[in-house]
Amino acid sequence: MQAMVGDHDHAVTLFRTYSERGDDPEIKQWAGRTLATLQEHERLAKTTATKVGVDARMSKHDHAAGTKQAKR
């Protein structure tokens, strides 16, 4: 779930940035139209993560570090 949330966060950032500053008008428009769907998927991923007890705010790196420390 953390990976899914992180991937959606990253995709939303990329699509938002391109829709605002992209250099290809057609792709810029498509990114803008697609952004709302990605944001909804991001929201659903975060909601699901919370429901299954995963801290969606923790990055993949933080999670891996925490898992390593827990094993010690």
C-alpha atoms as a PDB file:
ATOM      1  CA  MET A   1       0.000   0.000   0.000  1.00  0.00           C
ATOM      2  CA  GLN A   2       2.852   2.381   0.745  1.00  0.00           C
ATOM      3  CA  ALA A   3       4.277   1.803  -2.714  1.00  0.00           C
ATOM      4  CA  MET A   4       0.866   2.378  -4.290  1.00  0.00           C
ATOM      5  CA  VAL A   5       0.360   5.649  -2.397  1.00  0.00           C
ATOM      6  CA  GLY A   6       3.899   6.774  -3.191  1.00  0.00           C
ATOM      7  CA  ASP A   7       3.498   5.960  -6.867  1.00  0.00           C
ATOM      8  CA  HIS A   8       0.227   7.899  -7.035  1.00  0.00           C
ATOM      9  CA  ASP A   9       1.819  10.862  -5.230  1.00  0.00           C
ATOM     10  CA  HIS A  10       4.624  10.832  -7.789  1.00  0.00           C
ATOM     11  CA  ALA A  11       2.262  10.514 -10.765  1.00  0.00           C
ATOM     12  CA  VAL A  12       0.066  13.367  -9.529  1.00  0.00           C
ATOM     13  CA  THR A  13       3.119  15.585  -9.158  1.00  0.00           C
ATOM     14  CA  LEU A  14       4.371  14.746 -12.649  1.00  0.00           C
ATOM     15  CA  PHE A  15       0.994  15.250 -14.318  1.00  0.00           C
ATOM     16  CA  ARG A  16       0.293  18.491 -12.429  1.00  0.00           C
ATOM     17  CA  THR A  17       3.708  19.879 -13.346  1.00  0.00           C
ATOM     18  CA  TYR A  18       3.385  18.954 -17.018  1.00  0.00           C
ATOM     19  CA  SER A  19      -0.183  20.246 -17.252  1.00  0.00           C
ATOM     20  CA  GLU A  20       1.060  23.611 -15.951  1.00  0.00           C
ATOM     21  CA  ARG A  21       4.469  23.888 -17.635  1.00  0.00           C
ATOM     22  CA  GLY A  22       4.675  21.294 -20.389  1.00  0.00           C
ATOM     23  CA  ASP A  23       5.969  22.244 -23.806  1.00  0.00           C
ATOM     24  CA  ASP A  24       3.724  20.062 -26.003  1.00  0.00           C
ATOM     25  CA  PRO A  25       0.197  21.563 -26.085  1.00  0.00           C
ATOM     26  CA  GLU A  26      -1.576  18.254 -26.802  1.00  0.00           C
ATOM     27  CA  ILE A  27       0.230  16.344 -24.042  1.00  0.00           C
ATOM     28  CA  LYS A  28      -0.175  19.292 -21.686  1.00  0.00           C
ATOM     29  CA  GLN A  29      -3.946  19.240 -22.259  1.00  0.00           C
ATOM     30  CA  TRP A  30      -4.115  15.446 -21.844  1.00  0.00           C
ATOM     31  CA  ALA A  31      -2.122  15.641 -18.605  1.00  0.00           C
ATOM     32  CA  GLY A  32      -4.553  18.251 -17.306  1.00  0.00           C
ATOM     33  CA  ARG A  33      -7.577  16.106 -18.181  1.00  0.00           C
ATOM     34  CA  THR A  34      -6.012  12.997 -16.648  1.00  0.00           C
ATOM     35  CA  LEU A  35      -4.929  14.723 -13.424  1.00  0.00           C
ATOM     36  CA  ALA A  36      -8.374  14.571 -11.774  1.00  0.00           C
ATOM     37  CA  THR A  37      -8.542  10.799 -12.263  1.00  0.00           C
ATOM     38  CA  LEU A  38      -5.063  10.320 -10.805  1.00  0.00           C
ATOM     39  CA  GLN A  39      -5.948  12.502  -7.827  1.00  0.00           C
ATOM     40  CA  GLU A  40      -9.050  10.401  -7.171  1.00  0.00           C
ATOM     41  CA  HIS A  41      -6.992   7.194  -7.367  1.00  0.00           C
ATOM     42  CA  GLU A  42      -4.458   8.747  -4.981  1.00  0.00           C
ATOM     43  CA  ARG A  43      -7.249   9.592  -2.530  1.00  0.00           C
ATOM     44  CA  LEU A  44      -8.631   6.049  -2.746  1.00  0.00           C
ATOM     45  CA  ALA A  45      -5.173   4.548  -2.206  1.00  0.00           C
ATOM     46  CA  LYS A  46      -4.655   6.690   0.901  1.00  0.00           C
ATOM     47  CA  THR A  47      -8.107   5.801   2.233  1.00  0.00           C
ATOM     48  CA  THR A  48      -7.463   2.100   1.683  1.00  0.00           C
ATOM     49  CA  ALA A  49      -4.023   2.317   3.281  1.00  0.00           C
ATOM     50  CA  THR A  50      -5.560   3.884   6.379  1.00  0.00           C
ATOM     51  CA  LYS A  51      -8.267   1.217   6.525  1.00  0.00           C
ATOM     52  CA  VAL A  52      -5.706  -1.595   6.457  1.00  0.00           C
ATOM     53  CA  GLY A  53      -3.508   0.086   9.050  1.00  0.00           C
ATOM     54  CA  VAL A  54      -0.719   1.365   6.822  1.00  0.00           C
ATOM     55  CA  ASP A  55       0.646   4.851   7.457  1.00  0.00           C
ATOM     56  CA  ALA A  56       0.305   6.308   3.965  1.00  0.00           C
ATOM     57  CA  ARG A  57       2.428   9.319   4.952  1.00  0.00           C
ATOM     58  CA  MET A  58       5.529   7.143   5.462  1.00  0.00           C
ATOM     59  CA  SER A  59       7.703   6.813   2.372  1.00  0.00           C
ATOM     60  CA  LYS A  60       8.947   3.508   1.006  1.00  0.00           C
ATOM     61  CA  HIS A  61      12.424   4.433   2.270  1.00  0.00           C
ATOM     62  CA  ASP A  62      11.123   5.172   5.785  1.00  0.00           C
ATOM     63  CA  HIS A  63       9.214   1.913   5.800  1.00  0.00           C
ATOM     64  CA  ALA A  64      12.272  -0.093   4.735  1.00  0.00           C
ATOM     65  CA  ALA A  65      14.394   1.577   7.407  1.00  0.00           C
ATOM     66  CA  GLY A  66      11.744   0.889  10.044  1.00  0.00           C
ATOM     67  CA  THR A  67      11.487  -2.747   8.984  1.00  0.00           C
ATOM     68  CA  LYS A  68      15.272  -3.176   9.240  1.00  0.00           C
ATOM     69  CA  GLN A  69      15.321  -1.608  12.695  1.00  0.00           C
ATOM     70  CA  ALA A  70      12.441  -3.800  13.852  1.00  0.00           C
ATOM     71  CA  LYS A  71      14.375  -6.932  12.863  1.00  0.00           C
ATOM     72  CA  ARG A  72      17.369  -5.950  15.019  1.00  0.00           C
END
